[in-house]
PDB file of N, CA and C in Angstrom:
ATOM      1  N   MET A   1      71.551  36.940  87.963  1.00  0.00           N
ATOM      2  CA  MET A   1      71.761  37.638  86.700  1.00  0.00           C
ATOM      3  C   MET A   1      72.024  39.108  87.004  1.00  0.00           C
ATOM      4  N   SER A   2      73.103  39.641  86.444  1.00  0.00           N
ATOM      5  CA  SER A   2      73.471  41.025  86.708  1.00  0.00           C
ATOM      6  C   SER A   2      72.628  41.987  85.877  1.00  0.00           C
ATOM      7  N   VAL A   3      72.747  43.244  86.192  1.00  0.00           N
ATOM      8  CA  VAL A   3      72.005  44.282  85.477  1.00  0.00           C
ATOM      9  C   VAL A   3      72.404  44.292  84.008  1.00  0.00           C
ATOM     10  N   ILE A   4      73.692  44.165  83.733  1.00  0.00           N
ATOM     11  CA  ILE A   4      74.175  44.185  82.350  1.00  0.00           C
ATOM     12  C   ILE A   4      73.580  43.020  81.569  1.00  0.00           C
ATOM     13  N   GLU A   5      73.557  41.847  82.188  1.00  0.00           N
ATOM     14  CA  GLU A   5      72.981  40.682  81.513  1.00  0.00           C
ATOM     15  C   GLU A   5      71.493  40.879  81.262  1.00  0.00           C
ATOM     16  N   ASN A   6      70.792  41.516  82.197  1.00  0.00           N
ATOM     17  CA  ASN A   6      69.367  41.797  82.009  1.00  0.00           C
ATOM     18  C   ASN A   6      69.139  42.738  80.830  1.00  0.00           C
ATOM     19  N   VAL A   7      69.976  43.762  80.733  1.00  0.00           N
ATOM     20  CA  VAL A   7      69.836  44.725  79.639  1.00  0.00           C
ATOM     21  C   VAL A   7      70.146  44.049  78.311  1.00  0.00           C
ATOM     22  N   LYS A   8      71.217  43.259  78.266  1.00  0.00           N
ATOM     23  CA  LYS A   8      71.559  42.561  77.027  1.00  0.00           C
ATOM     24  C   LYS A   8      70.440  41.611  76.614  1.00  0.00           C
ATOM     25  N   GLU A   9      69.859  40.931  77.585  1.00  0.00           N
ATOM     26  CA  GLU A   9      68.759  40.015  77.278  1.00  0.00           C
ATOM     27  C   GLU A   9      67.547  40.785  76.746  1.00  0.00           C
ATOM     28  N   ALA A  10      67.299  41.979  77.306  1.00  0.00           N
ATOM     29  CA  ALA A  10      66.153  42.782  76.888  1.00  0.00           C
ATOM     30  C   ALA A  10      66.271  43.251  75.450  1.00  0.00           C
ATOM     31  N   VAL A  11      67.492  43.559  75.014  1.00  0.00           N
ATOM     32  CA  VAL A  11      67.666  44.033  73.646  1.00  0.00           C
ATOM     33  C   VAL A  11      68.048  42.919  72.691  1.00  0.00           C
ATOM     34  N   GLY A  12      68.100  41.688  73.195  1.00  0.00           N
ATOM     35  CA  GLY A  12      68.322  40.556  72.316  1.00  0.00           C
ATOM     36  C   GLY A  12      69.766  40.178  72.088  1.00  0.00           C
ATOM     37  N   LEU A  13      70.671  40.691  72.895  1.00  0.00           N
ATOM     38  CA  LEU A  13      72.080  40.357  72.733  1.00  0.00           C
ATOM     39  C   LEU A  13      72.552  39.354  73.775  1.00  0.00           C
ATOM     40  N   GLY A  14      71.645  38.832  74.563  1.00  0.00           N
ATOM     41  CA  GLY A  14      72.013  37.919  75.635  1.00  0.00           C
ATOM     42  C   GLY A  14      72.620  36.625  75.132  1.00  0.00           C
ATOM     43  N   ASN A  15      72.110  36.072  74.066  1.00  0.00           N
ATOM     44  CA  ASN A  15      72.616  34.814  73.532  1.00  0.00           C
ATOM     45  C   ASN A  15      73.496  35.041  72.314  1.00  0.00           C
ATOM     46  N   GLY A  16      73.984  36.247  72.151  1.00  0.00           N
ATOM     47  CA  GLY A  16      74.803  36.584  70.991  1.00  0.00           C
ATOM     48  C   GLY A  16      76.222  36.075  71.137  1.00  0.00           C
ATOM     49  N   PRO A  17      77.129  36.647  70.377  1.00  0.00           N
ATOM     50  CA  PRO A  17      78.518  36.201  70.435  1.00  0.00           C
ATOM     51  C   PRO A  17      79.102  36.413  71.827  1.00  0.00           C
ATOM     52  N   VAL A  18      79.799  35.425  72.301  1.00  0.00           N
ATOM     53  CA  VAL A  18      80.379  35.467  73.635  1.00  0.00           C
ATOM     54  C   VAL A  18      81.720  36.183  73.568  1.00  0.00           C
ATOM     55  N   THR A  19      81.992  37.004  74.570  1.00  0.00           N
ATOM     56  CA  THR A  19      83.270  37.690  74.622  1.00  0.00           C
ATOM     57  C   THR A  19      84.377  36.670  74.788  1.00  0.00           C
ATOM     58  N   LYS A  20      85.344  36.709  73.894  1.00  0.00           N
ATOM     59  CA  LYS A  20      86.434  35.753  73.934  1.00  0.00           C
ATOM     60  C   LYS A  20      87.515  36.164  74.920  1.00  0.00           C
ATOM     61  N   ALA A  21      87.568  37.434  75.274  1.00  0.00           N
ATOM     62  CA  ALA A  21      88.537  37.905  76.254  1.00  0.00           C
ATOM     63  C   ALA A  21      87.893  37.853  77.635  1.00  0.00           C
ATOM     64  N   THR A  22      88.611  37.301  78.593  1.00  0.00           N
ATOM     65  CA  THR A  22      88.075  37.213  79.944  1.00  0.00           C
ATOM     66  C   THR A  22      88.200  38.558  80.647  1.00  0.00           C
ATOM     67  N   ARG A  23      87.499  38.688  81.758  1.00  0.00           N
ATOM     68  CA  ARG A  23      87.586  39.934  82.517  1.00  0.00           C
ATOM     69  C   ARG A  23      89.014  40.185  82.990  1.00  0.00           C
ATOM     70  N   GLU A  24      89.702  39.119  83.348  1.00  0.00           N
ATOM     71  CA  GLU A  24      91.081  39.266  83.811  1.00  0.00           C
ATOM     72  C   GLU A  24      91.986  39.777  82.685  1.00  0.00           C
ATOM     73  N   GLU A  25      91.781  39.258  81.476  1.00  0.00           N
ATOM     74  CA  GLU A  25      92.581  39.718  80.335  1.00  0.00           C
ATOM     75  C   GLU A  25      92.295  41.184  80.032  1.00  0.00           C
ATOM     76  N   MET A  26      91.031  41.574  80.102  1.00  0.00           N
ATOM     77  CA  MET A  26      90.684  42.964  79.833  1.00  0.00           C
ATOM     78  C   MET A  26      91.247  43.885  80.900  1.00  0.00           C
ATOM     79  N   SER A  27      91.217  43.440  82.159  1.00  0.00           N
ATOM     80  CA  SER A  27      91.791  44.248  83.236  1.00  0.00           C
ATOM     81  C   SER A  27      93.301  44.364  83.080  1.00  0.00           C
ATOM     82  N   ALA A  28      93.949  43.236  82.745  1.00  0.00           N
ATOM     83  CA  ALA A  28      95.402  43.260  82.561  1.00  0.00           C
ATOM     84  C   ALA A  28      95.802  44.168  81.404  1.00  0.00           C
ATOM     85  N   ALA A  29      94.968  44.235  80.374  1.00  0.00           N
ATOM     86  CA  ALA A  29      95.249  45.102  79.229  1.00  0.00           C
ATOM     87  C   ALA A  29      94.827  46.542  79.492  1.00  0.00           C
ATOM     88  N   ARG A  30      94.231  46.792  80.651  1.00  0.00           N
ATOM     89  CA  ARG A  30      93.776  48.119  81.070  1.00  0.00           C
ATOM     90  C   ARG A  30      92.805  48.738  80.066  1.00  0.00           C
ATOM     91  N   LEU A  31      91.869  47.928  79.594  1.00  0.00           N
ATOM     92  CA  LEU A  31      90.849  48.444  78.690  1.00  0.00           C
ATOM     93  C   LEU A  31      89.837  49.262  79.480  1.00  0.00           C
ATOM     94  N   PRO A  32      89.429  50.425  78.978  1.00  0.00           N
ATOM     95  CA  PRO A  32      88.361  51.171  79.633  1.00  0.00           C
ATOM     96  C   PRO A  32      87.058  50.360  79.605  1.00  0.00           C
ATOM     97  N   LEU A  33      86.211  50.574  80.579  1.00  0.00           N
ATOM     98  CA  LEU A  33      84.973  49.800  80.687  1.00  0.00           C
ATOM     99  C   LEU A  33      84.110  49.920  79.439  1.00  0.00           C
ATOM    100  N   ALA A  34      84.129  51.072  78.799  1.00  0.00           N
ATOM    101  CA  ALA A  34      83.298  51.285  77.616  1.00  0.00           C
ATOM    102  C   ALA A  34      83.707  50.391  76.449  1.00  0.00           C
ATOM    103  N   TYR A  35      84.939  49.898  76.452  1.00  0.00           N
ATOM    104  CA  TYR A  35      85.433  49.084  75.348  1.00  0.00           C
ATOM    105  C   TYR A  35      85.447  47.590  75.654  1.00  0.00           C
ATOM    106  N   ARG A  36      84.916  47.204  76.786  1.00  0.00           N
ATOM    107  CA  ARG A  36      84.904  45.787  77.171  1.00  0.00           C
ATOM    108  C   ARG A  36      83.642  45.136  76.636  1.00  0.00           C
ATOM    109  N   ASP A  37      83.647  44.859  75.355  1.00  0.00           N
ATOM    110  CA  ASP A  37      82.490  44.267  74.693  1.00  0.00           C
ATOM    111  C   ASP A  37      82.909  42.992  73.975  1.00  0.00           C
ATOM    112  N   SER A  38      82.098  42.552  73.041  1.00  0.00           N
ATOM    113  CA  SER A  38      82.393  41.291  72.354  1.00  0.00           C
ATOM    114  C   SER A  38      83.561  41.415  71.377  1.00  0.00           C
ATOM    115  N   CYS A  39      84.062  42.614  71.164  1.00  0.00           N
ATOM    116  CA  CYS A  39      85.208  42.809  70.274  1.00  0.00           C
ATOM    117  C   CYS A  39      86.494  43.084  71.052  1.00  0.00           C
ATOM    118  N   ALA A  40      86.455  42.964  72.351  1.00  0.00           N
ATOM    119  CA  ALA A  40      87.625  43.262  73.177  1.00  0.00           C
ATOM    120  C   ALA A  40      88.791  42.337  72.863  1.00  0.00           C
ATOM    121  N   HIS A  41      88.478  41.109  72.432  1.00  0.00           N
ATOM    122  CA  HIS A  41      89.559  40.181  72.104  1.00  0.00           C
ATOM    123  C   HIS A  41      90.380  40.661  70.918  1.00  0.00           C
ATOM    124  N   LEU A  42      89.839  41.572  70.121  1.00  0.00           N
ATOM    125  CA  LEU A  42      90.585  42.156  69.002  1.00  0.00           C
ATOM    126  C   LEU A  42      91.238  43.480  69.388  1.00  0.00           C
ATOM    127  N   LEU A  43      90.669  44.154  70.358  1.00  0.00           N
ATOM    128  CA  LEU A  43      91.214  45.443  70.771  1.00  0.00           C
ATOM    129  C   LEU A  43      92.504  45.282  71.569  1.00  0.00           C
ATOM    130  N   ILE A  44      92.620  44.204  72.328  1.00  0.00           N
ATOM    131  CA  ILE A  44      93.817  43.995  73.146  1.00  0.00           C
ATOM    132  C   ILE A  44      95.078  43.922  72.279  1.00  0.00           C
ATOM    133  N   PRO A  45      95.116  43.063  71.244  1.00  0.00           N
ATOM    134  CA  PRO A  45      96.329  43.065  70.408  1.00  0.00           C
ATOM    135  C   PRO A  45      96.502  44.347  69.590  1.00  0.00           C
ATOM    136  N   LEU A  46      95.405  45.012  69.248  1.00  0.00           N
ATOM    137  CA  LEU A  46      95.512  46.278  68.522  1.00  0.00           C
ATOM    138  C   LEU A  46      96.197  47.326  69.390  1.00  0.00           C
ATOM    139  N   ASN A  47      95.776  47.441  70.641  1.00  0.00           N
ATOM    140  CA  ASN A  47      96.401  48.416  71.534  1.00  0.00           C
ATOM    141  C   ASN A  47      97.866  48.083  71.789  1.00  0.00           C
ATOM    142  N   LYS A  48      98.181  46.804  71.894  1.00  0.00           N
ATOM    143  CA  LYS A  48      99.573  46.405  72.091  1.00  0.00           C
ATOM    144  C   LYS A  48     100.406  46.780  70.864  1.00  0.00           C
ATOM    145  N   CYS A  49      99.864  46.523  69.676  1.00  0.00           N
ATOM    146  CA  CYS A  49     100.566  46.890  68.449  1.00  0.00           C
ATOM    147  C   CYS A  49     100.757  48.401  68.382  1.00  0.00           C
ATOM    148  N   ARG A  50      99.738  49.149  68.768  1.00  0.00           N
ATOM    149  CA  ARG A  50      99.840  50.609  68.725  1.00  0.00           C
ATOM    150  C   ARG A  50     100.938  51.119  69.652  1.00  0.00           C
ATOM    151  N   THR A  51     101.011  50.578  70.856  1.00  0.00           N
ATOM    152  CA  THR A  51     102.054  51.047  71.784  1.00  0.00           C
ATOM    153  C   THR A  51     103.437  50.601  71.319  1.00  0.00           C
ATOM    154  N   ASP A  52     103.528  49.404  70.729  1.00  0.00           N
ATOM    155  CA  ASP A  52     104.827  48.922  70.250  1.00  0.00           C
ATOM    156  C   ASP A  52     105.345  49.746  69.074  1.00  0.00           C
ATOM    157  N   THR A  53     104.444  50.270  68.252  1.00  0.00           N
ATOM    158  CA  THR A  53     104.844  51.034  67.072  1.00  0.00           C
ATOM    159  C   THR A  53     104.691  52.542  67.278  1.00  0.00           C
ATOM    160  N   MET A  54     104.525  52.958  68.530  1.00  0.00           N
ATOM    161  CA  MET A  54     104.419  54.379  68.879  1.00  0.00           C
ATOM    162  C   MET A  54     103.284  55.070  68.137  1.00  0.00           C
ATOM    163  N   PHE A  55     102.178  54.373  67.959  1.00  0.00           N
ATOM    164  CA  PHE A  55     100.945  54.906  67.361  1.00  0.00           C
ATOM    165  C   PHE A  55     101.141  55.463  65.952  1.00  0.00           C
ATOM    166  N   LEU A  56     102.044  54.875  65.188  1.00  0.00           N
ATOM    167  CA  LEU A  56     102.216  55.309  63.804  1.00  0.00           C
ATOM    168  C   LEU A  56     100.965  54.920  63.012  1.00  0.00           C
ATOM    169  N   PRO A  57     100.381  55.851  62.279  1.00  0.00           N
ATOM    170  CA  PRO A  57      99.095  55.587  61.629  1.00  0.00           C
ATOM    171  C   PRO A  57      99.132  54.528  60.535  1.00  0.00           C
ATOM    172  N   TRP A  58     100.288  54.286  59.937  1.00  0.00           N
ATOM    173  CA  TRP A  58     100.351  53.292  58.861  1.00  0.00           C
ATOM    174  C   TRP A  58     100.688  51.896  59.368  1.00  0.00           C
ATOM    175  N   LYS A  59     100.834  51.744  60.672  1.00  0.00           N
ATOM    176  CA  LYS A  59     101.098  50.436  61.258  1.00  0.00           C
ATOM    177  C   LYS A  59      99.787  49.851  61.794  1.00  0.00           C
ATOM    178  N   CYS A  60      99.770  48.578  62.056  1.00  0.00           N
ATOM    179  CA  CYS A  60      98.655  47.875  62.701  1.00  0.00           C
ATOM    180  C   CYS A  60      97.366  47.922  61.873  1.00  0.00           C
ATOM    181  N   ASN A  61      97.480  48.019  60.561  1.00  0.00           N
ATOM    182  CA  ASN A  61      96.288  48.119  59.726  1.00  0.00           C
ATOM    183  C   ASN A  61      95.411  46.878  59.806  1.00  0.00           C
ATOM    184  N   ASP A  62      96.014  45.699  59.805  1.00  0.00           N
ATOM    185  CA  ASP A  62      95.224  44.471  59.854  1.00  0.00           C
ATOM    186  C   ASP A  62      94.444  44.366  61.164  1.00  0.00           C
ATOM    187  N   GLU A  63      95.114  44.678  62.275  1.00  0.00           N
ATOM    188  CA  GLU A  63      94.448  44.619  63.572  1.00  0.00           C
ATOM    189  C   GLU A  63      93.317  45.637  63.659  1.00  0.00           C
ATOM    190  N   ARG A  64      93.580  46.852  63.167  1.00  0.00           N
ATOM    191  CA  ARG A  64      92.562  47.904  63.212  1.00  0.00           C
ATOM    192  C   ARG A  64      91.356  47.532  62.361  1.00  0.00           C
ATOM    193  N   HIS A  65      91.622  46.998  61.172  1.00  0.00           N
ATOM    194  CA  HIS A  65      90.528  46.616  60.287  1.00  0.00           C
ATOM    195  C   HIS A  65      89.681  45.509  60.919  1.00  0.00           C
ATOM    196  N   SER A  66      90.320  44.522  61.520  1.00  0.00           N
ATOM    197  CA  SER A  66      89.579  43.430  62.165  1.00  0.00           C
ATOM    198  C   SER A  66      88.712  43.957  63.294  1.00  0.00           C
ATOM    199  N   TYR A  67      89.267  44.853  64.098  1.00  0.00           N
ATOM    200  CA  TYR A  67      88.507  45.417  65.220  1.00  0.00           C
ATOM    201  C   TYR A  67      87.329  46.248  64.721  1.00  0.00           C
ATOM    202  N   GLU A  68      87.556  47.101  63.730  1.00  0.00           N
ATOM    203  CA  GLU A  68      86.477  47.945  63.215  1.00  0.00           C
ATOM    204  C   GLU A  68      85.395  47.119  62.544  1.00  0.00           C
ATOM    205  N   LYS A  69      85.766  46.046  61.877  1.00  0.00           N
ATOM    206  CA  LYS A  69      84.774  45.158  61.261  1.00  0.00           C
ATOM    207  C   LYS A  69      83.919  44.492  62.338  1.00  0.00           C
ATOM    208  N   CYS A  70      84.551  44.051  63.409  1.00  0.00           N
ATOM    209  CA  CYS A  70      83.810  43.450  64.515  1.00  0.00           C
ATOM    210  C   CYS A  70      82.830  44.461  65.113  1.00  0.00           C
ATOM    211  N   GLN A  71      83.280  45.701  65.309  1.00  0.00           N
ATOM    212  CA  GLN A  71      82.400  46.738  65.845  1.00  0.00           C
ATOM    213  C   GLN A  71      81.214  46.993  64.912  1.00  0.00           C
ATOM    214  N   TYR A  72      81.465  46.993  63.615  1.00  0.00           N
ATOM    215  CA  TYR A  72      80.397  47.221  62.645  1.00  0.00           C
ATOM    216  C   TYR A  72      79.388  46.077  62.656  1.00  0.00           C
ATOM    217  N   GLU A  73      79.879  44.848  62.724  1.00  0.00           N
ATOM    218  CA  GLU A  73      78.977  43.692  62.771  1.00  0.00           C
ATOM    219  C   GLU A  73      78.117  43.729  64.037  1.00  0.00           C
ATOM    220  N   GLU A  74      78.710  44.111  65.151  1.00  0.00           N
ATOM    221  CA  GLU A  74      77.951  44.232  66.397  1.00  0.00           C
ATOM    222  C   GLU A  74      76.895  45.328  66.276  1.00  0.00           C
ATOM    223  N   PHE A  75      77.258  46.446  65.635  1.00  0.00           N
ATOM    224  CA  PHE A  75      76.305  47.532  65.415  1.00  0.00           C
ATOM    225  C   PHE A  75      75.126  47.061  64.567  1.00  0.00           C
ATOM    226  N   LYS A  76      75.423  46.300  63.504  1.00  0.00           N
ATOM    227  CA  LYS A  76      74.344  45.804  62.646  1.00  0.00           C
ATOM    228  C   LYS A  76      73.401  44.893  63.422  1.00  0.00           C
ATOM    229  N   LEU A  77      73.918  44.079  64.332  1.00  0.00           N
ATOM    230  CA  LEU A  77      73.061  43.231  65.161  1.00  0.00           C
ATOM    231  C   LEU A  77      72.150  44.067  66.045  1.00  0.00           C
ATOM    232  N   ARG A  78      72.693  45.150  66.635  1.00  0.00           N
ATOM    233  CA  ARG A  78      71.868  46.011  67.485  1.00  0.00           C
ATOM    234  C   ARG A  78      70.776  46.697  66.675  1.00  0.00           C
ATOM    235  N   VAL A  79      71.109  47.173  65.475  1.00  0.00           N
ATOM    236  CA  VAL A  79      70.121  47.840  64.623  1.00  0.00           C
ATOM    237  C   VAL A  79      69.031  46.852  64.208  1.00  0.00           C
ATOM    238  N   LYS A  80      69.425  45.649  63.858  1.00  0.00           N
ATOM    239  CA  LYS A  80      68.456  44.622  63.461  1.00  0.00           C
ATOM    240  C   LYS A  80      67.495  44.315  64.602  1.00  0.00           C
ATOM    241  N   LYS A  81      68.028  44.194  65.810  1.00  0.00           N
ATOM    242  CA  LYS A  81      67.170  43.905  66.959  1.00  0.00           C
ATOM    243  C   LYS A  81      66.242  45.069  67.245  1.00  0.00           C
ATOM    244  N   MET A  82      66.728  46.292  67.116  1.00  0.00           N
ATOM    245  CA  MET A  82      65.882  47.456  67.351  1.00  0.00           C
ATOM    246  C   MET A  82      64.777  47.544  66.301  1.00  0.00           C
ATOM    247  N   ASP A  83      65.082  47.211  65.055  1.00  0.00           N
ATOM    248  CA  ASP A  83      64.050  47.194  64.016  1.00  0.00           C
ATOM    249  C   ASP A  83      62.981  46.153  64.316  1.00  0.00           C
ATOM    250  N   GLU A  84      63.414  45.002  64.836  1.00  0.00           N
ATOM    251  CA  GLU A  84      62.447  43.966  65.205  1.00  0.00           C
ATOM    252  C   GLU A  84      61.550  44.435  66.350  1.00  0.00           C
ATOM    253  N   LEU A  85      62.135  45.120  67.328  1.00  0.00           N
ATOM    254  CA  LEU A  85      61.337  45.632  68.448  1.00  0.00           C
ATOM    255  C   LEU A  85      60.359  46.693  67.984  1.00  0.00           C
ATOM    256  N   ARG A  86      60.790  47.554  67.062  1.00  0.00           N
ATOM    257  CA  ARG A  86      59.887  48.577  66.537  1.00  0.00           C
ATOM    258  C   ARG A  86      58.756  47.953  65.718  1.00  0.00           C
ATOM    259  N   ALA A  87      59.066  46.887  64.985  1.00  0.00           N
ATOM    260  CA  ALA A  87      58.032  46.214  64.197  1.00  0.00           C
ATOM    261  C   ALA A  87      56.976  45.603  65.112  1.00  0.00           C
ATOM    262  N   GLU A  88      57.396  45.103  66.265  1.00  0.00           N
ATOM    263  CA  GLU A  88      56.439  44.559  67.224  1.00  0.00           C
ATOM    264  C   GLU A  88      55.522  45.640  67.775  1.00  0.00           C
ATOM    265  N   LYS A  89      56.022  46.888  67.870  1.00  0.00           N
ATOM    266  CA  LYS A  89      55.236  48.006  68.388  1.00  0.00           C
ATOM    267  C   LYS A  89      54.545  48.779  67.262  1.00  0.00           C
ATOM    268  N   ASP A  90      54.486  48.213  66.086  1.00  0.00           N
ATOM    269  CA  ASP A  90      53.885  48.869  64.917  1.00  0.00           C
ATOM    270  C   ASP A  90      54.575  50.177  64.566  1.00  0.00           C
ATOM    271  N   GLY A  91      55.885  50.189  64.666  1.00  0.00           N
ATOM    272  CA  GLY A  91      56.670  51.340  64.252  1.00  0.00           C
ATOM    273  C   GLY A  91      56.778  52.433  65.278  1.00  0.00           C
ATOM    274  N   ALA A  92      56.172  52.292  66.447  1.00  0.00           N
ATOM    275  CA  ALA A  92      56.248  53.336  67.468  1.00  0.00           C
ATOM    276  C   ALA A  92      57.635  53.359  68.069  1.00  0.00           C
ATOM    277  N   ARG A  93      58.152  54.573  68.267  1.00  0.00           N
ATOM    278  CA  ARG A  93      59.466  54.716  68.885  1.00  0.00           C
ATOM    279  C   ARG A  93      59.324  54.684  70.401  1.00  0.00           C
ATOM    280  N   SER A  94      60.365  54.251  71.071  1.00  0.00           N
ATOM    281  CA  SER A  94      60.304  54.148  72.518  1.00  0.00           C
ATOM    282  C   SER A  94      60.667  55.453  73.208  1.00  0.00           C
ATOM    283  N   ASN A  95      61.247  56.417  72.474  1.00  0.00           N
ATOM    284  CA  ASN A  95      61.621  57.682  73.111  1.00  0.00           C
ATOM    285  C   ASN A  95      60.791  58.816  72.649  1.00  0.00           C
TER     286      ASN A  95
END
């Protein structure tokens, strides 16, 4: 088990949604490491659409909305897990 998998398991994201984009697909799309998460399968076509349309802001709205919604849902899962961890510690913060 890698360090990343250990951290994900510790915060409760280990058994969460599986990344649909493989490492090879993310590398081929030249995604930065910070963006290689469970929403990467939506970011790859968004970036392709952006480059094809020369980053025009009124293009690629559907792709952008899908990606941002995925990011928001992932954020809500992290917040929910953190609230559960704080409840176990009787509200004490870890930092």
